[in-house]
Amino acid sequence: MAERAITLEVITPERVVFREEVDSLIVPGSEGLLGVLPDHAPMVATLKIGILSYRKGGERRRVAVAGGFFEVADNHAVVLSDAAERAEEIDVARARAAAERARRRLAERDANWDFERARAALHRALNRLRAAGADTGDLV
């Protein structure tokens, strides 16, 4: 790892997902991807559903985040999100089932289902699958 690093914390209401020293990171900002290197200028941003990726010791790692907030200052970055999972923690079968369920609800257009809620559920499930490196071709 480089001499200078960024302390990255990913936090949800339930837990601290992780806290690690990283070389660089890319977060899914609501206005586009945001890249962060050591000594980055202080910044606060909103996040959209997407994949946070970071490098540590030459290895790239991924985390599925469900939107939230991001702050960086003094080589310390914090992600606050309603939900976040490391790629290796994602249950691919469960995420695939959630995506299929949401897709069925969207196709039915049942008046009892909230369209926006179903669309957001599909987006979150597909994001989790992509973060885990799973194929999503048949679900899109």
N, C-alpha and C. Protein backbone atom coordinates (compact mmCIF):
# COMPACT_ATOMS: atom_id res chain seq x y z
N MET A 1 0.85 -1.17 0.00
CA MET A 1 0.00 0.00 0.00
C MET A 1 0.89 1.24 0.00
N ALA A 2 0.40 2.27 -0.60
CA ALA A 2 1.13 3.54 -0.66
C ALA A 2 1.31 4.08 0.76
N GLU A 3 2.34 4.93 0.92
CA GLU A 3 2.56 5.53 2.23
C GLU A 3 1.35 6.31 2.70
N ARG A 4 0.79 7.09 1.80
CA ARG A 4 -0.40 7.86 2.14
C ARG A 4 -1.61 7.03 1.76
N ALA A 5 -2.56 6.99 2.65
CA ALA A 5 -3.77 6.22 2.39
C ALA A 5 -4.97 7.02 2.86
N ILE A 6 -6.12 6.51 2.52
CA ILE A 6 -7.39 7.10 2.92
C ILE A 6 -8.07 6.11 3.85
N THR A 7 -8.52 6.57 4.99
CA THR A 7 -9.33 5.72 5.86
C THR A 7 -10.75 5.77 5.33
N LEU A 8 -11.28 4.63 4.93
CA LEU A 8 -12.63 4.55 4.37
C LEU A 8 -13.52 3.82 5.36
N GLU A 9 -14.64 4.46 5.70
CA GLU A 9 -15.65 3.85 6.55
C GLU A 9 -16.96 3.79 5.78
N VAL A 10 -17.61 2.63 5.81
CA VAL A 10 -18.93 2.47 5.22
C VAL A 10 -19.86 2.08 6.36
N ILE A 11 -20.88 2.91 6.58
CA ILE A 11 -21.74 2.76 7.75
C ILE A 11 -23.20 2.73 7.31
N THR A 12 -23.96 1.80 7.89
CA THR A 12 -25.42 1.75 7.70
C THR A 12 -26.06 1.96 9.07
N PRO A 13 -27.38 2.13 9.13
CA PRO A 13 -28.02 2.28 10.44
C PRO A 13 -27.81 1.07 11.35
N GLU A 14 -27.60 -0.11 10.75
CA GLU A 14 -27.45 -1.33 11.54
C GLU A 14 -26.03 -1.62 11.99
N ARG A 15 -25.03 -1.18 11.19
CA ARG A 15 -23.67 -1.60 11.51
C ARG A 15 -22.62 -0.77 10.77
N VAL A 16 -21.40 -0.90 11.24
CA VAL A 16 -20.25 -0.40 10.48
C VAL A 16 -19.88 -1.55 9.55
N VAL A 17 -20.10 -1.37 8.25
CA VAL A 17 -19.83 -2.44 7.29
C VAL A 17 -18.34 -2.74 7.26
N PHE A 18 -17.52 -1.72 7.21
CA PHE A 18 -16.09 -1.89 7.36
C PHE A 18 -15.40 -0.54 7.54
N ARG A 19 -14.18 -0.64 8.00
CA ARG A 19 -13.29 0.52 8.14
C ARG A 19 -11.91 0.02 7.74
N GLU A 20 -11.36 0.59 6.66
CA GLU A 20 -10.08 0.12 6.13
C GLU A 20 -9.26 1.29 5.60
N GLU A 21 -7.96 1.08 5.55
CA GLU A 21 -7.06 2.00 4.88
C GLU A 21 -7.04 1.59 3.41
N VAL A 22 -7.32 2.52 2.50
CA VAL A 22 -7.36 2.20 1.07
C VAL A 22 -6.48 3.18 0.30
N ASP A 23 -6.10 2.76 -0.91
CA ASP A 23 -5.25 3.60 -1.76
C ASP A 23 -6.06 4.63 -2.54
N SER A 24 -7.25 4.23 -2.99
CA SER A 24 -8.12 5.13 -3.76
C SER A 24 -9.53 4.56 -3.73
N LEU A 25 -10.50 5.38 -4.10
CA LEU A 25 -11.87 4.89 -4.16
C LEU A 25 -12.66 5.67 -5.20
N ILE A 26 -13.73 5.03 -5.66
CA ILE A 26 -14.68 5.65 -6.59
C ILE A 26 -16.06 5.40 -6.01
N VAL A 27 -16.83 6.49 -5.82
CA VAL A 27 -18.18 6.37 -5.27
C VAL A 27 -19.20 6.82 -6.31
N PRO A 28 -20.41 6.23 -6.26
CA PRO A 28 -21.46 6.59 -7.22
C PRO A 28 -22.22 7.86 -6.79
N GLY A 29 -21.65 9.01 -7.07
CA GLY A 29 -22.30 10.27 -6.72
C GLY A 29 -23.59 10.46 -7.50
N SER A 30 -24.50 11.21 -6.95
CA SER A 30 -25.79 11.43 -7.64
C SER A 30 -25.61 12.17 -8.96
N GLU A 31 -24.48 12.87 -9.13
CA GLU A 31 -24.21 13.59 -10.38
C GLU A 31 -23.15 12.88 -11.23
N GLY A 32 -22.74 11.69 -10.82
CA GLY A 32 -21.73 10.94 -11.56
C GLY A 32 -20.71 10.33 -10.62
N LEU A 33 -19.79 9.55 -11.17
CA LEU A 33 -18.78 8.90 -10.36
C LEU A 33 -17.79 9.91 -9.81
N LEU A 34 -17.39 9.70 -8.56
CA LEU A 34 -16.43 10.59 -7.89
C LEU A 34 -15.20 9.78 -7.50
N GLY A 35 -14.06 10.16 -8.02
CA GLY A 35 -12.81 9.49 -7.69
C GLY A 35 -12.09 10.23 -6.58
N VAL A 36 -11.51 9.48 -5.66
CA VAL A 36 -10.84 10.09 -4.51
C VAL A 36 -9.46 9.43 -4.33
N LEU A 37 -8.45 10.27 -4.25
CA LEU A 37 -7.08 9.86 -3.97
C LEU A 37 -6.64 10.51 -2.66
N PRO A 38 -5.53 10.06 -2.08
CA PRO A 38 -5.05 10.72 -0.86
C PRO A 38 -4.90 12.23 -1.07
N ASP A 39 -5.14 12.97 -0.02
CA ASP A 39 -5.05 14.43 0.01
C ASP A 39 -6.12 15.11 -0.85
N HIS A 40 -7.23 14.44 -1.05
CA HIS A 40 -8.35 15.02 -1.81
C HIS A 40 -8.89 16.23 -1.05
N ALA A 41 -9.37 17.21 -1.77
CA ALA A 41 -9.99 18.38 -1.15
C ALA A 41 -11.24 17.94 -0.39
N PRO A 42 -11.56 18.60 0.72
CA PRO A 42 -12.78 18.25 1.45
C PRO A 42 -14.00 18.36 0.55
N MET A 43 -14.93 17.42 0.73
CA MET A 43 -16.11 17.37 -0.14
C MET A 43 -17.22 16.60 0.57
N VAL A 44 -18.45 17.01 0.31
CA VAL A 44 -19.64 16.28 0.74
C VAL A 44 -20.50 16.09 -0.49
N ALA A 45 -21.06 14.88 -0.65
CA ALA A 45 -21.88 14.60 -1.83
C ALA A 45 -22.98 13.61 -1.47
N THR A 46 -24.03 13.63 -2.27
CA THR A 46 -25.07 12.60 -2.14
C THR A 46 -24.70 11.46 -3.08
N LEU A 47 -25.13 10.26 -2.69
CA LEU A 47 -24.85 9.07 -3.48
C LEU A 47 -26.13 8.50 -4.04
N LYS A 48 -26.01 7.85 -5.20
CA LYS A 48 -27.13 7.12 -5.76
C LYS A 48 -26.85 5.63 -5.57
N ILE A 49 -27.84 4.80 -5.85
CA ILE A 49 -27.63 3.36 -5.81
C ILE A 49 -26.53 3.03 -6.81
N GLY A 50 -25.54 2.31 -6.37
CA GLY A 50 -24.43 1.98 -7.26
C GLY A 50 -23.35 1.19 -6.55
N ILE A 51 -22.23 1.08 -7.23
CA ILE A 51 -21.11 0.30 -6.70
C ILE A 51 -19.98 1.24 -6.29
N LEU A 52 -19.60 1.15 -5.03
CA LEU A 52 -18.42 1.83 -4.53
C LEU A 52 -17.27 0.86 -4.79
N SER A 53 -16.23 1.33 -5.44
CA SER A 53 -15.07 0.47 -5.64
C SER A 53 -13.86 1.15 -5.03
N TYR A 54 -12.96 0.32 -4.53
CA TYR A 54 -11.74 0.88 -3.95
C TYR A 54 -10.57 -0.05 -4.20
N ARG A 55 -9.39 0.53 -4.15
CA ARG A 55 -8.15 -0.23 -4.33
C ARG A 55 -7.41 -0.26 -3.00
N LYS A 56 -6.92 -1.44 -2.72
CA LYS A 56 -6.12 -1.64 -1.51
C LYS A 56 -5.01 -2.61 -1.87
N GLY A 57 -3.78 -2.14 -1.82
CA GLY A 57 -2.66 -3.00 -2.14
C GLY A 57 -2.72 -3.58 -3.55
N GLY A 58 -3.21 -2.81 -4.50
CA GLY A 58 -3.29 -3.26 -5.88
C GLY A 58 -4.51 -4.10 -6.20
N GLU A 59 -5.28 -4.46 -5.21
CA GLU A 59 -6.48 -5.27 -5.41
C GLU A 59 -7.71 -4.37 -5.42
N ARG A 60 -8.61 -4.59 -6.39
CA ARG A 60 -9.85 -3.81 -6.46
C ARG A 60 -10.95 -4.57 -5.73
N ARG A 61 -11.69 -3.86 -4.89
CA ARG A 61 -12.80 -4.44 -4.14
C ARG A 61 -14.05 -3.62 -4.40
N ARG A 62 -15.21 -4.27 -4.21
CA ARG A 62 -16.48 -3.61 -4.52
C ARG A 62 -17.47 -3.73 -3.37
N VAL A 63 -18.30 -2.69 -3.27
CA VAL A 63 -19.34 -2.65 -2.25
C VAL A 63 -20.61 -2.12 -2.91
N ALA A 64 -21.72 -2.83 -2.75
CA ALA A 64 -23.01 -2.34 -3.25
C ALA A 64 -23.55 -1.36 -2.21
N VAL A 65 -23.89 -0.14 -2.65
CA VAL A 65 -24.48 0.85 -1.75
C VAL A 65 -25.84 1.27 -2.29
N ALA A 66 -26.75 1.53 -1.36
CA ALA A 66 -28.12 1.91 -1.74
C ALA A 66 -28.31 3.41 -1.55
N GLY A 67 -27.44 4.18 -2.19
CA GLY A 67 -27.53 5.63 -2.06
C GLY A 67 -27.00 6.08 -0.72
N GLY A 68 -27.18 7.37 -0.42
CA GLY A 68 -26.75 7.89 0.86
C GLY A 68 -25.94 9.15 0.73
N PHE A 69 -24.97 9.29 1.63
CA PHE A 69 -24.13 10.48 1.70
C PHE A 69 -22.67 10.08 1.78
N PHE A 70 -21.81 10.97 1.27
CA PHE A 70 -20.38 10.73 1.24
C PHE A 70 -19.67 11.99 1.69
N GLU A 71 -18.65 11.82 2.53
CA GLU A 71 -17.84 12.95 2.95
C GLU A 71 -16.38 12.53 2.95
N VAL A 72 -15.52 13.42 2.49
CA VAL A 72 -14.08 13.18 2.57
C VAL A 72 -13.41 14.46 3.08
N ALA A 73 -12.47 14.28 4.01
CA ALA A 73 -11.67 15.38 4.54
C ALA A 73 -10.49 14.78 5.28
N ASP A 74 -9.33 15.38 5.14
CA ASP A 74 -8.14 14.95 5.88
C ASP A 74 -7.86 13.45 5.72
N ASN A 75 -7.96 12.95 4.49
CA ASN A 75 -7.71 11.53 4.19
C ASN A 75 -8.61 10.58 4.97
N HIS A 76 -9.81 11.03 5.26
CA HIS A 76 -10.81 10.20 5.93
C HIS A 76 -12.11 10.31 5.14
N ALA A 77 -12.58 9.19 4.61
CA ALA A 77 -13.81 9.17 3.81
C ALA A 77 -14.87 8.35 4.53
N VAL A 78 -16.09 8.88 4.55
CA VAL A 78 -17.20 8.21 5.21
C VAL A 78 -18.36 8.10 4.24
N VAL A 79 -18.92 6.90 4.14
CA VAL A 79 -20.13 6.65 3.37
C VAL A 79 -21.22 6.28 4.37
N LEU A 80 -22.31 7.02 4.36
CA LEU A 80 -23.49 6.71 5.16
C LEU A 80 -24.58 6.27 4.19
N SER A 81 -25.06 5.04 4.35
CA SER A 81 -26.03 4.50 3.41
C SER A 81 -27.08 3.69 4.16
N ASP A 82 -28.29 3.65 3.62
CA ASP A 82 -29.34 2.82 4.22
C ASP A 82 -28.96 1.35 4.19
N ALA A 83 -28.25 0.94 3.13
CA ALA A 83 -27.81 -0.46 3.00
C ALA A 83 -26.51 -0.49 2.23
N ALA A 84 -25.61 -1.37 2.64
CA ALA A 84 -24.34 -1.56 1.95
C ALA A 84 -23.85 -2.97 2.23
N GLU A 85 -23.31 -3.61 1.19
CA GLU A 85 -22.78 -4.96 1.34
C GLU A 85 -21.51 -5.10 0.53
N ARG A 86 -20.50 -5.69 1.13
CA ARG A 86 -19.29 -6.04 0.38
C ARG A 86 -19.66 -7.11 -0.63
N ALA A 87 -18.97 -7.13 -1.75
CA ALA A 87 -19.28 -8.10 -2.80
C ALA A 87 -19.28 -9.52 -2.27
N GLU A 88 -18.32 -9.84 -1.42
CA GLU A 88 -18.23 -11.22 -0.92
C GLU A 88 -19.32 -11.58 0.08
N GLU A 89 -20.05 -10.60 0.60
CA GLU A 89 -21.14 -10.86 1.54
C GLU A 89 -22.49 -11.05 0.84
N ILE A 90 -22.56 -10.71 -0.43
CA ILE A 90 -23.84 -10.72 -1.13
C ILE A 90 -24.29 -12.15 -1.42
N ASP A 91 -25.51 -12.46 -1.02
CA ASP A 91 -26.13 -13.75 -1.32
C ASP A 91 -26.73 -13.62 -2.73
N VAL A 92 -26.03 -14.16 -3.72
CA VAL A 92 -26.42 -13.99 -5.12
C VAL A 92 -27.80 -14.59 -5.38
N ALA A 93 -28.10 -15.75 -4.81
CA ALA A 93 -29.42 -16.37 -5.03
C ALA A 93 -30.53 -15.48 -4.48
N ARG A 94 -30.31 -14.91 -3.31
CA ARG A 94 -31.31 -14.02 -2.71
C ARG A 94 -31.49 -12.75 -3.53
N ALA A 95 -30.39 -12.18 -4.00
CA ALA A 95 -30.46 -10.96 -4.82
C ALA A 95 -31.16 -11.26 -6.14
N ARG A 96 -30.87 -12.42 -6.75
CA ARG A 96 -31.52 -12.80 -8.00
C ARG A 96 -33.03 -12.98 -7.78
N ALA A 97 -33.41 -13.61 -6.68
CA ALA A 97 -34.84 -13.81 -6.38
C ALA A 97 -35.53 -12.45 -6.18
N ALA A 98 -34.87 -11.52 -5.52
CA ALA A 98 -35.44 -10.18 -5.32
C ALA A 98 -35.61 -9.47 -6.66
N ALA A 99 -34.63 -9.60 -7.54
CA ALA A 99 -34.73 -8.97 -8.87
C ALA A 99 -35.87 -9.57 -9.68
N GLU A 100 -35.99 -10.89 -9.65
CA GLU A 100 -37.07 -11.54 -10.40
C GLU A 100 -38.44 -11.14 -9.85
N ARG A 101 -38.56 -11.08 -8.53
CA ARG A 101 -39.82 -10.67 -7.90
C ARG A 101 -40.18 -9.24 -8.30
N ALA A 102 -39.21 -8.34 -8.25
CA ALA A 102 -39.47 -6.94 -8.63
C ALA A 102 -39.83 -6.84 -10.11
N ARG A 103 -39.15 -7.59 -10.94
CA ARG A 103 -39.44 -7.56 -12.38
C ARG A 103 -40.86 -8.05 -12.67
N ARG A 104 -41.28 -9.10 -11.97
CA ARG A 104 -42.66 -9.61 -12.13
C ARG A 104 -43.67 -8.54 -11.71
N ARG A 105 -43.40 -7.87 -10.60
CA ARG A 105 -44.32 -6.83 -10.13
C ARG A 105 -44.42 -5.69 -11.14
N LEU A 106 -43.31 -5.33 -11.72
CA LEU A 106 -43.33 -4.27 -12.73
C LEU A 106 -44.09 -4.70 -13.97
N ALA A 107 -43.97 -5.96 -14.35
CA ALA A 107 -44.66 -6.47 -15.54
C ALA A 107 -46.16 -6.56 -15.31
N GLU A 108 -46.57 -6.88 -14.09
CA GLU A 108 -48.00 -7.03 -13.78
C GLU A 108 -48.74 -5.69 -13.80
N ARG A 109 -48.05 -4.66 -13.40
CA ARG A 109 -48.67 -3.32 -13.28
C ARG A 109 -49.96 -3.37 -12.46
N ASP A 110 -49.92 -4.17 -11.42
CA ASP A 110 -51.04 -4.32 -10.50
C ASP A 110 -51.23 -3.02 -9.72
N ALA A 111 -52.46 -2.59 -9.59
CA ALA A 111 -52.76 -1.34 -8.88
C ALA A 111 -52.36 -1.42 -7.41
N ASN A 112 -52.23 -2.64 -6.88
CA ASN A 112 -51.85 -2.80 -5.48
C ASN A 112 -50.36 -2.62 -5.24
N TRP A 113 -49.56 -2.62 -6.30
CA TRP A 113 -48.12 -2.45 -6.16
C TRP A 113 -47.72 -1.03 -6.51
N ASP A 114 -46.86 -0.48 -5.72
CA ASP A 114 -46.30 0.84 -5.97
C ASP A 114 -45.21 0.69 -7.04
N PHE A 115 -45.42 1.27 -8.22
CA PHE A 115 -44.50 1.13 -9.34
C PHE A 115 -43.10 1.61 -8.97
N GLU A 116 -42.99 2.77 -8.36
CA GLU A 116 -41.67 3.32 -8.02
C GLU A 116 -40.94 2.45 -7.01
N ARG A 117 -41.67 1.90 -6.07
CA ARG A 117 -41.05 1.02 -5.08
C ARG A 117 -40.51 -0.25 -5.74
N ALA A 118 -41.30 -0.82 -6.65
CA ALA A 118 -40.86 -2.02 -7.37
C ALA A 118 -39.65 -1.71 -8.25
N ARG A 119 -39.67 -0.55 -8.90
CA ARG A 119 -38.54 -0.16 -9.75
C ARG A 119 -37.27 0.02 -8.92
N ALA A 120 -37.40 0.65 -7.76
CA ALA A 120 -36.24 0.84 -6.88
C ALA A 120 -35.73 -0.50 -6.35
N ALA A 121 -36.65 -1.42 -6.04
CA ALA A 121 -36.24 -2.75 -5.57
C ALA A 121 -35.47 -3.49 -6.65
N LEU A 122 -35.92 -3.38 -7.90
CA LEU A 122 -35.21 -4.01 -9.01
C LEU A 122 -33.82 -3.39 -9.16
N HIS A 123 -33.74 -2.08 -9.09
CA HIS A 123 -32.46 -1.38 -9.23
C HIS A 123 -31.48 -1.82 -8.13
N ARG A 124 -31.95 -1.91 -6.89
CA ARG A 124 -31.09 -2.33 -5.77
C ARG A 124 -30.62 -3.77 -5.96
N ALA A 125 -31.54 -4.65 -6.36
CA ALA A 125 -31.18 -6.06 -6.55
C ALA A 125 -30.16 -6.23 -7.67
N LEU A 126 -30.37 -5.54 -8.79
CA LEU A 126 -29.42 -5.62 -9.90
C LEU A 126 -28.06 -5.06 -9.49
N ASN A 127 -28.06 -4.01 -8.70
CA ASN A 127 -26.81 -3.43 -8.22
C ASN A 127 -26.05 -4.43 -7.35
N ARG A 128 -26.77 -5.13 -6.48
CA ARG A 128 -26.13 -6.14 -5.63
C ARG A 128 -25.53 -7.25 -6.48
N LEU A 129 -26.27 -7.69 -7.51
CA LEU A 129 -25.76 -8.74 -8.38
C LEU A 129 -24.51 -8.28 -9.13
N ARG A 130 -24.54 -7.06 -9.63
CA ARG A 130 -23.37 -6.53 -10.35
C ARG A 130 -22.16 -6.40 -9.43
N ALA A 131 -22.39 -5.94 -8.21
CA ALA A 131 -21.28 -5.82 -7.26
C ALA A 131 -20.66 -7.18 -6.96
N ALA A 132 -21.50 -8.22 -6.93
CA ALA A 132 -21.00 -9.57 -6.67
C ALA A 132 -20.38 -10.21 -7.90
N GLY A 133 -20.49 -9.54 -9.05
CA GLY A 133 -19.92 -10.07 -10.28
C GLY A 133 -20.81 -11.10 -10.96
N ALA A 134 -22.09 -11.15 -10.58
CA ALA A 134 -23.03 -12.12 -11.16
C ALA A 134 -23.60 -11.60 -12.47
N ASP A 135 -23.98 -12.51 -13.34
CA ASP A 135 -24.59 -12.16 -14.62
C ASP A 135 -26.01 -11.64 -14.38
N THR A 136 -26.34 -10.51 -14.99
CA THR A 136 -27.69 -9.94 -14.85
C THR A 136 -28.41 -9.87 -16.18
N GLY A 137 -27.84 -10.45 -17.22
CA GLY A 137 -28.38 -10.33 -18.57
C GLY A 137 -29.83 -10.70 -18.72
N ASP A 138 -30.28 -11.77 -18.07
CA ASP A 138 -31.66 -12.20 -18.22
C ASP A 138 -32.63 -11.41 -17.35
N LEU A 139 -32.12 -10.54 -16.50
CA LEU A 139 -32.97 -9.79 -15.58
C LEU A 139 -33.20 -8.35 -16.01
N VAL A 140 -32.44 -7.89 -16.96
CA VAL A 140 -32.52 -6.48 -17.36
C VAL A 140 -33.63 -6.27 -18.36
